[in-house]
Amino acid sequence: VKDLASVAAELEVPYKKETSVWPSAGGLAPPPVGVVCGLGPTGRDLYTPQEAVHRLSLMQRALLLARFLARRAGA
């Protein structure tokens, strides 16, 4: 979580820790494995005909995940 927050700060991408009412398959990972969930794009008017994805958040989250994984791989 600290590494992800560090990358988010470096990229100036909004980042916050919170819980969700939705279940996650991440809970199936064995105890020593770190899991990050909820990196999908943000949206508005969920579950309505006007539902939409914020395109900027899609790009921000993709960049955040790519930089995080590259850093973890030593790149």
C-alpha atoms as a PDB file:
ATOM      1  CA  VAL A   1       0.000   0.000   0.000  1.00  0.00           C
ATOM      2  CA  LYS A   2       2.837   2.380   0.789  1.00  0.00           C
ATOM      3  CA  ASP A   3       4.507   1.683  -2.563  1.00  0.00           C
ATOM      4  CA  LEU A   4       1.246   2.261  -4.424  1.00  0.00           C
ATOM      5  CA  ALA A   5       0.633   5.503  -2.516  1.00  0.00           C
ATOM      6  CA  SER A   6       4.177   6.615  -3.333  1.00  0.00           C
ATOM      7  CA  VAL A   7       3.685   6.026  -7.068  1.00  0.00           C
ATOM      8  CA  ALA A   8       0.317   7.830  -6.945  1.00  0.00           C
ATOM      9  CA  ALA A   9       1.956  10.833  -5.275  1.00  0.00           C
ATOM     10  CA  GLU A  10       4.791  10.819  -7.816  1.00  0.00           C
ATOM     11  CA  LEU A  11       2.284  10.816 -10.696  1.00  0.00           C
ATOM     12  CA  GLU A  12      -0.099  13.215  -8.939  1.00  0.00           C
ATOM     13  CA  VAL A  13      -2.909  10.690  -9.342  1.00  0.00           C
ATOM     14  CA  PRO A  14      -5.707  10.785  -6.744  1.00  0.00           C
ATOM     15  CA  TYR A  15      -5.342   7.914  -4.278  1.00  0.00           C
ATOM     16  CA  LYS A  16      -7.154   6.976  -1.114  1.00  0.00           C
ATOM     17  CA  LYS A  17      -7.722   3.868   0.940  1.00  0.00           C
ATOM     18  CA  GLU A  18     -11.295   2.905   1.646  1.00  0.00           C
ATOM     19  CA  THR A  19     -13.479  -0.129   2.033  1.00  0.00           C
ATOM     20  CA  SER A  20     -16.132  -1.374  -0.333  1.00  0.00           C
ATOM     21  CA  VAL A  21     -19.471  -3.055   0.033  1.00  0.00           C
ATOM     22  CA  TRP A  22     -18.609  -5.237  -2.980  1.00  0.00           C
ATOM     23  CA  PRO A  23     -16.848  -8.555  -2.433  1.00  0.00           C
ATOM     24  CA  SER A  24     -13.466  -9.108  -4.036  1.00  0.00           C
ATOM     25  CA  ALA A  25     -11.704 -12.191  -5.346  1.00  0.00           C
ATOM     26  CA  GLY A  26      -8.596 -10.691  -3.735  1.00  0.00           C
ATOM     27  CA  GLY A  27      -9.734 -12.252  -0.472  1.00  0.00           C
ATOM     28  CA  LEU A  28      -8.916 -15.652  -1.935  1.00  0.00           C
ATOM     29  CA  ALA A  29      -5.180 -14.892  -2.110  1.00  0.00           C
ATOM     30  CA  PRO A  30      -3.072 -16.777   0.453  1.00  0.00           C
ATOM     31  CA  PRO A  31      -1.948 -14.795   3.543  1.00  0.00           C
ATOM     32  CA  PRO A  32       1.619 -13.834   2.495  1.00  0.00           C
ATOM     33  CA  VAL A  33       0.416 -12.371  -0.823  1.00  0.00           C
ATOM     34  CA  GLY A  34      -0.393  -8.658  -0.974  1.00  0.00           C
ATOM     35  CA  VAL A  35      -3.593  -7.734  -2.821  1.00  0.00           C
ATOM     36  CA  VAL A  36      -4.794  -4.444  -4.259  1.00  0.00           C
ATOM     37  CA  CYS A  37      -8.399  -4.173  -5.417  1.00  0.00           C
ATOM     38  CA  GLY A  38     -10.489  -1.360  -6.786  1.00  0.00           C
ATOM     39  CA  LEU A  39      -8.117  -0.042  -9.416  1.00  0.00           C
ATOM     40  CA  GLY A  40     -10.858   0.176 -12.000  1.00  0.00           C
ATOM     41  CA  PRO A  41     -11.979   3.544 -13.351  1.00  0.00           C
ATOM     42  CA  THR A  42     -14.370   5.763 -11.456  1.00  0.00           C
ATOM     43  CA  GLY A  43     -17.799   6.478 -12.796  1.00  0.00           C
ATOM     44  CA  ARG A  44     -20.976   8.406 -12.263  1.00  0.00           C
ATOM     45  CA  ASP A  45     -24.681   7.615 -12.180  1.00  0.00           C
ATOM     46  CA  LEU A  46     -23.955   3.940 -11.548  1.00  0.00           C
ATOM     47  CA  TYR A  47     -26.767   1.492 -12.312  1.00  0.00           C
ATOM     48  CA  THR A  48     -28.758   4.061 -14.290  1.00  0.00           C
ATOM     49  CA  PRO A  49     -29.170   4.620 -18.029  1.00  0.00           C
ATOM     50  CA  GLN A  50     -26.786   7.609 -17.666  1.00  0.00           C
ATOM     51  CA  GLU A  51     -23.984   5.496 -16.192  1.00  0.00           C
ATOM     52  CA  ALA A  52     -20.589   6.629 -17.469  1.00  0.00           C
ATOM     53  CA  VAL A  53     -16.891   6.028 -16.872  1.00  0.00           C
ATOM     54  CA  HIS A  54     -14.613   8.978 -16.208  1.00  0.00           C
ATOM     55  CA  ARG A  55     -12.111   8.530 -19.032  1.00  0.00           C
ATOM     56  CA  LEU A  56      -9.369  10.407 -17.202  1.00  0.00           C
ATOM     57  CA  SER A  57      -9.597   7.996 -14.277  1.00  0.00           C
ATOM     58  CA  LEU A  58      -9.211   5.080 -16.691  1.00  0.00           C
ATOM     59  CA  MET A  59      -5.912   6.502 -17.948  1.00  0.00           C
ATOM     60  CA  GLN A  60      -4.745   7.484 -14.455  1.00  0.00           C
ATOM     61  CA  ARG A  61      -5.416   4.029 -13.038  1.00  0.00           C
ATOM     62  CA  ALA A  62      -3.727   2.301 -15.985  1.00  0.00           C
ATOM     63  CA  LEU A  63      -0.637   4.494 -15.609  1.00  0.00           C
ATOM     64  CA  LEU A  64      -0.600   4.012 -11.833  1.00  0.00           C
ATOM     65  CA  LEU A  65      -0.764   0.232 -12.145  1.00  0.00           C
ATOM     66  CA  ALA A  66       1.866   0.126 -14.909  1.00  0.00           C
ATOM     67  CA  ARG A  67       4.326   2.305 -12.950  1.00  0.00           C
ATOM     68  CA  PHE A  68       3.680   0.353  -9.753  1.00  0.00           C
ATOM     69  CA  LEU A  69       4.335  -2.996 -11.468  1.00  0.00           C
ATOM     70  CA  ALA A  70       7.429  -1.632 -13.244  1.00  0.00           C
ATOM     71  CA  ARG A  71       8.826  -0.376  -9.955  1.00  0.00           C
ATOM     72  CA  ARG A  72       8.178  -3.752  -8.299  1.00  0.00           C
ATOM     73  CA  ALA A  73       9.952  -5.493 -11.200  1.00  0.00           C
ATOM     74  CA  GLY A  74      12.954  -3.198 -10.749  1.00  0.00           C
ATOM     75  CA  ALA A  75      12.484  -1.331 -14.008  1.00  0.00           C
END
